Amino acid sequence: MSPTPGAALELEDVHVAYGRAQVLGGVTLRLAAGETAALLGPSGSGKTTLMRVVLGLTPPDRGRVRIGGEIDSADGRVIRSPEDRGLAVVFQDLALWPHMTVAQNLAFGLEARAVPAAEIRSRVGGMLERVGLGELSARYPAQLSGGERQRVAIARALVLEPRAVLFDEPLTSLDVLLRRELLALLRSLLSERGTTALYITHDPREAVQVARRLAILAHGRIVAIGDLDELRRDPQDGYVRALLSELTDCTSRACSDAR
């Protein structure tokens, strides 16, 4: 298949099995440039494997991955290495480097890409101010609150100006109010920078706060995709119906702001 015009990230009929256990059974998903989409699925649905395939850490047994219209993985091969894909990730455990300051955490990836020092200082300083951490640049992760560490992880990913950024359930350890605050910040950052993003989560309320289009992964397949209204029209899959039932009272400000 030829690349979809305007697509920043594409998975085409991706299959992955570990031994006899099929984990992904024909996943097709496309994100337009600048789009934020949420990938929703329960534990064991294949979310982590899908992320690894996108990053180039796991080759698809069958199918293709395209980033920016170029084939990066196909039919058992990783064609372009993870470090050359231009992607950024915010992991669930954040993976901040404890021996580096906040500013050094952000600068590390830029230094690895040989960005000039003056530009690194400008980009790091601007990003830290944008996420409200300008006065904490010299602190170490252990000296920060949980919410501040989350902001560092988000800033570290976005300062790279990646082709796309993947979020792997990064806010699960936070309380509801702090999570809502960071989701609002994240939504604003992605919109103003035009960043393509895939937000991976098991929480439907979190998904609708950050993304308009939801892809529902169950049993290793995308069983439904669309915005809330589209999903509600014909929820044939049981897992989709269960998710929608959680959102039947989605009339609070947190939900309505994302619709």
Protein backbone atom coordinates (compact mmCIF):
# COMPACT_ATOMS: atom_id res chain seq x y z
CA MET A 1 0.00 0.00 0.00
CA SER A 2 1.16 3.53 -0.73
CA PRO A 3 1.46 6.04 2.13
CA THR A 4 -1.62 8.05 3.05
CA PRO A 5 -1.19 11.73 2.08
CA GLY A 6 -0.82 13.91 5.17
CA ALA A 7 -0.25 11.00 7.54
CA ALA A 8 2.58 11.40 10.05
CA LEU A 9 2.38 7.92 11.54
CA GLU A 10 0.91 4.77 9.98
CA LEU A 11 0.58 1.15 10.96
CA GLU A 12 -0.67 -1.12 8.19
CA ASP A 13 -1.97 -4.62 9.01
CA VAL A 14 0.59 -5.11 11.77
CA HIS A 15 0.86 -8.64 13.20
CA VAL A 16 3.05 -9.68 16.13
CA ALA A 17 3.16 -13.07 17.87
CA TYR A 18 5.30 -14.32 20.72
CA GLY A 19 5.56 -18.03 20.08
CA ARG A 20 2.01 -19.27 19.56
CA ALA A 21 0.46 -16.29 21.30
CA GLN A 22 -0.75 -13.65 18.87
CA VAL A 23 -0.45 -10.21 20.46
CA LEU A 24 -1.34 -7.98 17.52
CA GLY A 25 -3.59 -9.40 14.86
CA GLY A 26 -3.75 -6.96 11.97
CA VAL A 27 -3.59 -3.47 13.46
CA THR A 28 -4.11 -0.56 11.08
CA LEU A 29 -3.90 2.95 12.48
CA ARG A 30 -3.12 6.31 10.91
CA LEU A 31 -2.42 9.64 12.58
CA ALA A 32 -2.56 12.84 10.56
CA ALA A 33 0.23 15.37 10.97
CA GLY A 34 -0.43 17.41 14.09
CA GLU A 35 -3.14 15.06 15.38
CA THR A 36 -3.38 13.77 18.93
CA ALA A 37 -5.12 10.40 19.15
CA ALA A 38 -5.62 8.16 22.15
CA LEU A 39 -5.07 4.40 22.11
CA LEU A 40 -7.33 2.79 24.70
CA GLY A 41 -7.06 -0.80 25.81
CA PRO A 42 -7.09 -3.05 28.87
CA SER A 43 -4.04 -4.82 30.26
CA GLY A 44 -2.93 -7.53 27.86
CA SER A 45 -4.58 -5.94 24.83
CA GLY A 46 -1.26 -5.31 23.05
CA LYS A 47 -0.72 -1.61 23.82
CA THR A 48 2.90 -2.03 24.92
CA THR A 49 3.75 -4.24 21.95
CA LEU A 50 2.19 -1.72 19.56
CA MET A 51 4.31 1.04 21.10
CA ARG A 52 7.45 -1.09 20.75
CA VAL A 53 6.63 -1.71 17.09
CA VAL A 54 6.22 2.02 16.43
CA LEU A 55 9.50 2.79 18.20
CA GLY A 56 11.37 0.11 16.26
CA LEU A 57 12.12 -2.02 19.32
CA THR A 58 10.01 -4.93 18.03
CA PRO A 59 9.71 -5.79 14.34
CA PRO A 60 6.24 -6.66 13.04
CA ASP A 61 5.97 -10.27 11.88
CA ARG A 62 3.83 -8.93 9.09
CA GLY A 63 2.74 -5.44 8.09
CA ARG A 64 4.37 -2.04 7.86
CA VAL A 65 5.15 1.02 9.94
CA ARG A 66 5.57 4.37 8.23
CA ILE A 67 6.74 7.59 9.85
CA GLY A 68 6.57 10.71 7.73
CA GLY A 69 5.65 8.59 4.70
CA GLU A 70 8.81 6.44 4.87
CA ILE A 71 8.78 2.73 5.65
CA ASP A 72 10.51 2.19 8.99
CA SER A 73 9.57 -1.45 9.67
CA ALA A 74 8.13 -4.13 7.42
CA ASP A 75 7.53 -7.88 7.45
CA GLY A 76 9.93 -8.94 10.18
CA ARG A 77 12.50 -6.19 9.61
CA VAL A 78 13.39 -2.96 11.40
CA ILE A 79 14.48 -0.82 8.49
CA ARG A 80 15.18 2.41 10.35
CA SER A 81 16.69 2.19 13.84
CA PRO A 82 14.84 3.58 16.88
CA GLU A 83 17.27 6.47 17.30
CA ASP A 84 16.80 7.55 13.68
CA ARG A 85 12.99 7.64 13.71
CA GLY A 86 12.67 11.13 15.15
CA LEU A 87 10.27 9.97 17.87
CA ALA A 88 10.04 10.90 21.54
CA VAL A 89 8.47 8.97 24.41
CA VAL A 90 7.09 9.81 27.82
CA PHE A 91 7.16 6.57 29.78
CA GLN A 92 4.94 5.53 32.66
CA ASP A 93 7.93 5.58 35.03
CA LEU A 94 9.16 8.83 33.36
CA ALA A 95 12.76 7.48 33.09
CA LEU A 96 14.36 10.77 34.14
CA TRP A 97 18.12 10.60 34.67
CA PRO A 98 18.58 11.06 38.44
CA HIS A 99 22.18 12.26 38.19
CA MET A 100 21.25 15.10 35.82
CA THR A 101 19.58 18.40 36.64
CA VAL A 102 16.27 19.34 35.09
CA ALA A 103 18.04 21.41 32.41
CA GLN A 104 20.52 18.61 31.71
CA ASN A 105 17.70 16.11 31.28
CA LEU A 106 16.21 18.31 28.55
CA ALA A 107 19.55 19.12 26.93
CA PHE A 108 20.78 15.54 26.67
CA GLY A 109 18.78 14.56 23.59
CA LEU A 110 19.60 17.82 21.83
CA GLU A 111 23.30 17.34 22.51
CA ALA A 112 23.09 13.83 21.08
CA ARG A 113 21.71 15.37 17.89
CA ALA A 114 24.60 17.87 17.75
CA VAL A 115 22.34 20.91 18.15
CA PRO A 116 24.49 24.05 18.70
CA ALA A 117 24.99 24.99 22.34
CA ALA A 118 23.34 28.39 22.01
CA GLU A 119 20.25 26.84 20.47
CA ILE A 120 20.14 24.19 23.21
CA ARG A 121 20.18 26.88 25.91
CA SER A 122 17.40 28.79 24.13
CA ARG A 123 15.18 25.76 23.53
CA VAL A 124 15.66 24.30 26.99
CA GLY A 125 15.07 27.63 28.73
CA GLY A 126 11.97 28.40 26.67
CA MET A 127 10.47 24.96 27.23
CA LEU A 128 11.07 25.04 30.99
CA GLU A 129 9.39 28.43 31.22
CA ARG A 130 6.45 27.10 29.20
CA VAL A 131 5.86 24.20 31.58
CA GLY A 132 6.34 26.35 34.68
CA LEU A 133 9.75 25.03 35.71
CA GLY A 134 11.99 27.93 34.77
CA GLU A 135 13.15 28.46 38.34
CA LEU A 136 13.82 24.75 38.92
CA SER A 137 16.29 24.12 36.10
CA ALA A 138 19.21 23.40 38.46
CA ARG A 139 17.34 20.91 40.64
CA TYR A 140 17.59 17.14 40.38
CA PRO A 141 14.57 14.85 39.87
CA ALA A 142 14.68 13.68 43.50
CA GLN A 143 14.18 17.29 44.61
CA LEU A 144 10.93 17.66 42.66
CA SER A 145 7.31 16.78 43.39
CA GLY A 146 5.54 14.12 41.36
CA GLY A 147 3.78 16.71 39.20
CA GLU A 148 7.02 18.58 38.58
CA ARG A 149 8.74 15.39 37.45
CA GLN A 150 5.86 14.77 35.04
CA ARG A 151 6.39 18.26 33.59
CA VAL A 152 10.09 17.55 33.13
CA ALA A 153 9.32 14.34 31.24
CA ILE A 154 6.82 16.08 28.98
CA ALA A 155 9.20 18.99 28.37
CA ARG A 156 12.10 16.62 27.62
CA ALA A 157 10.05 14.91 24.91
CA LEU A 158 8.71 18.07 23.28
CA VAL A 159 11.96 20.06 23.34
CA LEU A 160 13.28 17.61 20.75
CA GLU A 161 10.62 18.80 18.27
CA PRO A 162 9.98 15.16 17.31
CA ARG A 163 8.09 13.84 14.31
CA ALA A 164 5.71 12.29 16.82
CA VAL A 165 5.60 11.67 20.54
CA LEU A 166 4.21 8.62 22.33
CA PHE A 167 2.79 8.83 25.84
CA ASP A 168 2.74 5.52 27.72
CA GLU A 169 0.24 6.04 30.56
CA PRO A 170 2.41 8.81 32.04
CA LEU A 171 -0.07 10.18 34.60
CA THR A 172 -1.38 7.07 36.33
CA SER A 173 0.40 7.79 39.62
CA LEU A 174 -1.12 11.25 40.06
CA ASP A 175 -4.27 12.35 41.85
CA VAL A 176 -7.31 13.39 39.84
CA LEU A 177 -6.87 17.17 40.13
CA LEU A 178 -3.18 17.14 39.23
CA ARG A 179 -3.85 14.76 36.36
CA ARG A 180 -6.52 17.11 34.99
CA GLU A 181 -4.14 20.08 35.27
CA LEU A 182 -1.34 18.27 33.41
CA LEU A 183 -3.69 16.98 30.72
CA ALA A 184 -4.82 20.55 30.05
CA LEU A 185 -1.19 21.66 29.82
CA LEU A 186 -0.35 18.78 27.54
CA ARG A 187 -3.30 19.52 25.27
CA SER A 188 -2.19 23.15 24.96
CA LEU A 189 1.45 22.25 24.28
CA LEU A 190 0.62 19.73 21.57
CA SER A 191 -1.82 22.11 19.88
CA GLU A 192 0.43 25.16 19.86
CA ARG A 193 3.42 23.17 18.59
CA GLY A 194 1.47 21.12 16.05
CA THR A 195 2.97 17.91 17.43
CA THR A 196 1.65 14.53 16.34
CA ALA A 197 0.96 12.42 19.41
CA LEU A 198 -0.34 8.98 20.37
CA TYR A 199 -1.56 8.87 23.96
CA ILE A 200 -1.70 5.30 25.29
CA THR A 201 -3.92 4.63 28.28
CA HIS A 202 -6.46 2.28 29.86
CA ASP A 203 -8.48 5.18 31.30
CA PRO A 204 -11.29 6.46 29.02
CA ARG A 205 -11.76 9.66 31.01
CA GLU A 206 -8.10 10.50 30.60
CA ALA A 207 -8.28 9.70 26.89
CA VAL A 208 -11.16 12.07 26.16
CA GLN A 209 -9.43 14.89 28.02
CA VAL A 210 -6.39 14.79 25.76
CA ALA A 211 -7.66 13.50 22.39
CA ARG A 212 -10.72 13.81 20.21
CA ARG A 213 -10.21 10.59 18.24
CA LEU A 214 -10.01 7.33 20.17
CA ALA A 215 -8.69 4.00 18.87
CA ILE A 216 -9.92 1.06 20.95
CA LEU A 217 -7.52 -1.89 21.11
CA ALA A 218 -8.86 -5.22 22.34
CA HIS A 219 -7.80 -8.78 21.66
CA GLY A 220 -4.85 -7.46 19.63
CA ARG A 221 -7.06 -5.56 17.18
CA ILE A 222 -8.47 -2.09 16.72
CA VAL A 223 -12.14 -2.86 17.38
CA ALA A 224 -13.41 0.72 17.05
CA ILE A 225 -12.07 4.13 16.15
CA GLY A 226 -13.57 7.60 16.10
CA ASP A 227 -14.73 10.40 18.35
CA LEU A 228 -17.20 9.77 21.17
CA ASP A 229 -20.27 10.37 19.02
CA GLU A 230 -19.02 7.97 16.36
CA LEU A 231 -18.22 5.29 18.92
CA ARG A 232 -21.67 5.59 20.47
CA ARG A 233 -23.51 5.01 17.19
CA ASP A 234 -22.81 1.29 16.93
CA PRO A 235 -20.74 -0.11 19.83
CA GLN A 236 -20.67 -3.75 18.77
CA ASP A 237 -17.65 -4.84 20.82
CA GLY A 238 -18.26 -5.59 24.49
CA TYR A 239 -15.17 -3.72 25.63
CA VAL A 240 -16.26 -0.62 23.70
CA ARG A 241 -19.68 -0.78 25.38
CA ALA A 242 -17.98 -1.05 28.78
CA LEU A 243 -15.84 2.02 28.07
CA LEU A 244 -18.85 4.01 26.90
CA SER A 245 -20.77 3.06 30.02
CA GLU A 246 -18.00 4.67 32.07
CA LEU A 247 -18.48 7.84 30.07
CA THR A 248 -22.27 8.01 30.17
CA ASP A 249 -22.04 10.74 32.80
CA CYS A 250 -19.29 12.54 30.89
CA THR A 251 -20.86 15.94 31.37
CA SER A 252 -18.29 17.34 33.77
CA ARG A 253 -16.05 20.20 32.69
CA ALA A 254 -13.09 17.82 32.36
CA CYS A 255 -14.87 15.76 29.72
CA SER A 256 -16.79 18.48 27.95
CA ASP A 257 -13.65 20.57 27.45
CA ALA A 258 -12.13 17.80 25.34
CA ARG A 259 -15.15 17.19 23.12
